[in-house]
Structures are given as structure tokens and as C-alpha cells.
Amino acid sequence: MAAAFTTTASSLEGQLLEIVRELAEGELAVPVETRPTNVTIVPDFENLICNITVALPITLSGTGATISAVANPYLP
């Protein structure tokens, strides 16, 4: 399980970027031969935006109208 960390940004958008950056750092800690590539951060400095893509493994549970999706750990 990954260690908890505290975000420091004052906006939700800033906190999201901090969380995604932490997830990307976690992937970089995995040996190259088994490293996942589930996180992509592409800054566009000209237009001052950042495109973020995250693919997490999930488990679905529930029945009928009550479905729950829970993200599964994928980093060692």
C-alpha cells in the first residue's frame, strides 16, 4: 500500500495535479521491466493547460441500481 501524503494546493484542481504527480512518481519507483504506464501528464505551456490520463484497475460490485466501483492497488 502506498504511503499517505498531504496535498498543499489551495484549489481542487491543484490538489488533483498533486495526486496525479504522486501516482506518476510511484510508477517511476517500479523497476523498468515491470513498470506500469497508467499515468500520463502532458503540460501544454503555450495554452496553460495540463492533460492528465489515469487508468486504474477497478472492481465492480453490487446489483441492480446499486453498483460500486472501487480502485484496486496496482503499484507494489
Foldseek 3Di string as FASTA:
>chain_A
DDDDDDDDDPDPVSSVVVVLVVVVVLLVVDDPVPRDDQWDWDADVVVGDIDIGGDFDWDWDDDDPDIDIDGDDDGD
